[in-house]
């Protein structure tokens, strides 16, 4: 019984750390991985890249809320293009 409990605790602990610890970083990674696989018009692609760059700059400046807003806008554009 103790070994089963220990195994469950180890699994749950590893799952807890499997996702990104920071929403802004997660958004940036998702955009980076999606840009190459989704068909976007040239203007849309430039907009996504601009939003991504601006989001990273805001994040680096400590303005995470504003960064997250821009990055989510970029992700929405990618999602809409893939639908």
C-alpha atoms as a PDB file:
ATOM      1  CA  UNK A   1       0.000   0.000   0.000  1.00  0.00           C
ATOM      2  CA  UNK A   2       2.821   2.404   0.863  1.00  0.00           C
ATOM      3  CA  UNK A   3       4.548   1.754  -2.452  1.00  0.00           C
ATOM      4  CA  UNK A   4       1.337   2.461  -4.353  1.00  0.00           C
ATOM      5  CA  UNK A   5       0.893   5.720  -2.498  1.00  0.00           C
ATOM      6  CA  UNK A   6       4.512   6.671  -3.162  1.00  0.00           C
ATOM      7  CA  UNK A   7       4.093   5.929  -6.886  1.00  0.00           C
ATOM      8  CA  UNK A   8       0.952   8.064  -7.065  1.00  0.00           C
ATOM      9  CA  UNK A   9       2.691  10.944  -5.314  1.00  0.00           C
ATOM     10  CA  UNK A  10       5.625  10.785  -7.710  1.00  0.00           C
ATOM     11  CA  UNK A  11       3.324  10.767 -10.738  1.00  0.00           C
ATOM     12  CA  UNK A  12       1.256  13.671  -9.490  1.00  0.00           C
ATOM     13  CA  UNK A  13       4.371  15.684  -8.653  1.00  0.00           C
ATOM     14  CA  UNK A  14       5.814  15.176 -12.124  1.00  0.00           C
ATOM     15  CA  UNK A  15       2.515  16.179 -13.742  1.00  0.00           C
ATOM     16  CA  UNK A  16       2.357  19.331 -11.673  1.00  0.00           C
ATOM     17  CA  UNK A  17       5.626  20.514 -13.209  1.00  0.00           C
ATOM     18  CA  UNK A  18       4.918  19.319 -16.746  1.00  0.00           C
ATOM     19  CA  UNK A  19       3.323  22.583 -17.870  1.00  0.00           C
ATOM     20  CA  UNK A  20       4.960  25.987 -18.197  1.00  0.00           C
ATOM     21  CA  UNK A  21       5.233  27.816 -14.905  1.00  0.00           C
ATOM     22  CA  UNK A  22       4.611  31.177 -16.561  1.00  0.00           C
ATOM     23  CA  UNK A  23       1.663  31.977 -18.840  1.00  0.00           C
ATOM     24  CA  UNK A  24       3.646  34.497 -20.891  1.00  0.00           C
ATOM     25  CA  UNK A  25       6.427  32.005 -21.579  1.00  0.00           C
ATOM     26  CA  UNK A  26       3.843  29.353 -22.502  1.00  0.00           C
ATOM     27  CA  UNK A  27       2.196  31.707 -24.979  1.00  0.00           C
ATOM     28  CA  UNK A  28       5.534  32.587 -26.577  1.00  0.00           C
ATOM     29  CA  UNK A  29       6.473  28.914 -26.921  1.00  0.00           C
ATOM     30  CA  UNK A  30       3.085  28.071 -28.413  1.00  0.00           C
ATOM     31  CA  UNK A  31       3.369  30.880 -30.958  1.00  0.00           C
ATOM     32  CA  UNK A  32       6.908  29.868 -31.883  1.00  0.00           C
ATOM     33  CA  UNK A  33       5.907  26.251 -32.448  1.00  0.00           C
ATOM     34  CA  UNK A  34       2.765  27.143 -34.421  1.00  0.00           C
ATOM     35  CA  UNK A  35       4.092  29.807 -36.771  1.00  0.00           C
ATOM     36  CA  UNK A  36       5.913  27.316 -38.986  1.00  0.00           C
ATOM     37  CA  UNK A  37       3.014  24.893 -39.270  1.00  0.00           C
ATOM     38  CA  UNK A  38       0.016  27.163 -39.878  1.00  0.00           C
ATOM     39  CA  UNK A  39      -0.812  28.754 -43.215  1.00  0.00           C
ATOM     40  CA  UNK A  40      -1.069  32.499 -42.708  1.00  0.00           C
ATOM     41  CA  UNK A  41      -1.272  35.277 -45.240  1.00  0.00           C
ATOM     42  CA  UNK A  42       1.899  37.364 -45.376  1.00  0.00           C
ATOM     43  CA  UNK A  43       0.220  40.295 -43.615  1.00  0.00           C
ATOM     44  CA  UNK A  44      -1.125  38.003 -40.883  1.00  0.00           C
ATOM     45  CA  UNK A  45       2.263  36.356 -40.416  1.00  0.00           C
ATOM     46  CA  UNK A  46       3.939  39.737 -40.017  1.00  0.00           C
ATOM     47  CA  UNK A  47       1.273  40.811 -37.521  1.00  0.00           C
ATOM     48  CA  UNK A  48       1.762  37.619 -35.480  1.00  0.00           C
ATOM     49  CA  UNK A  49       5.538  38.087 -35.502  1.00  0.00           C
ATOM     50  CA  UNK A  50       5.172  41.737 -34.479  1.00  0.00           C
ATOM     51  CA  UNK A  51       2.780  40.884 -31.646  1.00  0.00           C
ATOM     52  CA  UNK A  52       5.135  38.117 -30.504  1.00  0.00           C
ATOM     53  CA  UNK A  53       8.132  40.472 -30.466  1.00  0.00           C
ATOM     54  CA  UNK A  54       6.218  43.245 -28.705  1.00  0.00           C
ATOM     55  CA  UNK A  55       4.898  40.749 -26.166  1.00  0.00           C
ATOM     56  CA  UNK A  56       8.387  39.532 -25.368  1.00  0.00           C
ATOM     57  CA  UNK A  57       9.654  43.101 -25.002  1.00  0.00           C
ATOM     58  CA  UNK A  58       6.818  43.973 -22.625  1.00  0.00           C
ATOM     59  CA  UNK A  59       7.481  40.811 -20.636  1.00  0.00           C
ATOM     60  CA  UNK A  60      11.168  41.663 -20.358  1.00  0.00           C
ATOM     61  CA  UNK A  61      10.189  45.146 -19.186  1.00  0.00           C
ATOM     62  CA  UNK A  62       8.088  43.604 -16.398  1.00  0.00           C
ATOM     63  CA  UNK A  63       4.716  44.370 -17.983  1.00  0.00           C
ATOM     64  CA  UNK A  64       3.384  40.805 -17.998  1.00  0.00           C
ATOM     65  CA  UNK A  65      -0.322  41.664 -18.232  1.00  0.00           C
ATOM     66  CA  UNK A  66       0.146  43.731 -21.362  1.00  0.00           C
ATOM     67  CA  UNK A  67       2.480  41.115 -22.828  1.00  0.00           C
ATOM     68  CA  UNK A  68      -0.043  38.354 -22.224  1.00  0.00           C
ATOM     69  CA  UNK A  69      -2.773  40.353 -23.947  1.00  0.00           C
ATOM     70  CA  UNK A  70      -0.682  40.783 -27.115  1.00  0.00           C
ATOM     71  CA  UNK A  71       0.500  37.186 -27.119  1.00  0.00           C
ATOM     72  CA  UNK A  72      -3.041  35.872 -26.750  1.00  0.00           C
ATOM     73  CA  UNK A  73      -4.099  38.052 -29.664  1.00  0.00           C
ATOM     74  CA  UNK A  74      -1.340  36.482 -31.759  1.00  0.00           C
ATOM     75  CA  UNK A  75      -2.383  32.972 -30.673  1.00  0.00           C
ATOM     76  CA  UNK A  76      -5.988  33.749 -31.599  1.00  0.00           C
ATOM     77  CA  UNK A  77      -4.893  34.793 -35.081  1.00  0.00           C
ATOM     78  CA  UNK A  78      -3.032  31.499 -35.457  1.00  0.00           C
ATOM     79  CA  UNK A  79      -5.976  29.512 -34.132  1.00  0.00           C
ATOM     80  CA  UNK A  80      -8.412  31.282 -36.460  1.00  0.00           C
ATOM     81  CA  UNK A  81      -6.142  30.578 -39.437  1.00  0.00           C
ATOM     82  CA  UNK A  82      -5.942  26.886 -38.603  1.00  0.00           C
ATOM     83  CA  UNK A  83      -9.718  26.489 -38.268  1.00  0.00           C
END
